[in-house]
Amino acid sequence: MPTLLIEDGFKFFFYANEHLPMHIHVARGDGYAKIDLVALDVVESCFKKPELKKVMNIVKLHRTDFVRCWHEYFNKR
């Protein structure tokens, strides 16, 4: 499970056996979200609205890096 970023206690990662569409998982405490990196849509989330807003701001800021890491990781396999 490659961890791509930890920011404000949020852990951004994907699993080693991921599938398309390209997405990222986010966890903090008991909270969890799955974000589509292409459409920037929330696939699922149990974060409260303010937390999810913060998550989405971080994803938008680091989206290019997350996509690059996805391609680098899965193209090597």
Protein backbone atom coordinates (compact mmCIF):
# COMPACT_ATOMS: atom_id res chain seq x y z
CA MET A 1 0.00 0.00 0.00
CA PRO A 2 2.06 2.94 -1.25
CA THR A 3 1.58 6.06 0.85
CA LEU A 4 1.87 9.16 -1.32
CA LEU A 5 1.37 11.93 1.21
CA ILE A 6 0.52 12.57 4.84
CA GLU A 7 -0.81 16.07 5.42
CA ASP A 8 -2.81 17.45 8.36
CA GLY A 9 -3.17 13.88 9.61
CA PHE A 10 -4.71 12.69 6.34
CA LYS A 11 -2.97 9.73 4.71
CA PHE A 12 -3.23 9.63 0.90
CA PHE A 13 -2.52 6.23 -0.62
CA PHE A 14 -3.48 3.57 -3.11
CA TYR A 15 -3.40 -0.20 -2.87
CA ALA A 16 -0.89 -2.35 -4.72
CA ASN A 17 -3.68 -4.16 -6.59
CA GLU A 18 -5.66 -1.12 -7.74
CA HIS A 19 -7.94 -0.93 -10.75
CA LEU A 20 -9.25 1.79 -13.02
CA PRO A 21 -10.60 4.40 -12.85
CA MET A 22 -7.54 6.05 -11.36
CA HIS A 23 -8.31 6.97 -7.76
CA ILE A 24 -6.78 7.61 -4.38
CA HIS A 25 -7.78 6.58 -0.87
CA VAL A 26 -7.63 8.93 2.11
CA ALA A 27 -7.74 7.96 5.77
CA ARG A 28 -7.59 9.81 9.06
CA GLY A 29 -8.73 8.33 12.34
CA ASP A 30 -12.01 6.57 11.64
CA GLY A 31 -12.58 8.63 8.50
CA TYR A 32 -12.13 7.35 4.97
CA ALA A 33 -12.66 8.56 1.42
CA LYS A 34 -12.07 7.37 -2.11
CA ILE A 35 -11.49 10.09 -4.71
CA ASP A 36 -11.53 9.68 -8.50
CA LEU A 37 -8.38 11.46 -9.73
CA VAL A 38 -9.61 11.95 -13.30
CA ALA A 39 -13.03 13.45 -12.60
CA LEU A 40 -12.11 14.77 -9.11
CA ASP A 41 -15.28 13.16 -7.78
CA VAL A 42 -15.87 11.69 -4.36
CA VAL A 43 -16.56 7.99 -4.92
CA GLU A 44 -17.25 7.35 -1.24
CA SER A 45 -16.63 9.13 2.03
CA CYS A 46 -17.49 9.04 5.69
CA PHE A 47 -15.69 12.31 6.47
CA LYS A 48 -17.69 15.25 7.75
CA LYS A 49 -18.23 18.04 5.26
CA PRO A 50 -15.38 20.31 6.52
CA GLU A 51 -12.93 17.39 6.52
CA LEU A 52 -13.95 16.33 3.03
CA LYS A 53 -13.52 19.89 1.79
CA LYS A 54 -9.98 19.90 3.21
CA VAL A 55 -9.29 16.50 1.61
CA MET A 56 -10.49 17.73 -1.78
CA ASN A 57 -8.34 20.87 -1.54
CA ILE A 58 -5.28 18.72 -0.82
CA VAL A 59 -6.13 16.32 -3.67
CA LYS A 60 -6.53 19.23 -6.10
CA LEU A 61 -3.19 20.69 -4.97
CA HIS A 62 -1.33 17.37 -5.35
CA ARG A 63 -3.34 15.77 -8.16
CA THR A 64 -0.52 15.92 -10.70
CA ASP A 65 1.87 14.19 -8.30
CA PHE A 66 -0.72 11.53 -7.40
CA VAL A 67 -1.38 10.76 -11.08
CA ARG A 68 2.36 10.61 -11.80
CA CYS A 69 2.90 8.22 -8.87
CA TRP A 70 0.00 6.04 -10.04
CA HIS A 71 1.52 5.72 -13.52
CA GLU A 72 5.03 5.15 -12.20
CA TYR A 73 3.89 2.44 -9.79
CA PHE A 74 1.54 0.52 -12.08
CA ASN A 75 3.62 0.83 -15.25
CA LYS A 76 6.55 -0.90 -13.49
CA ARG A 77 4.48 -3.99 -12.73
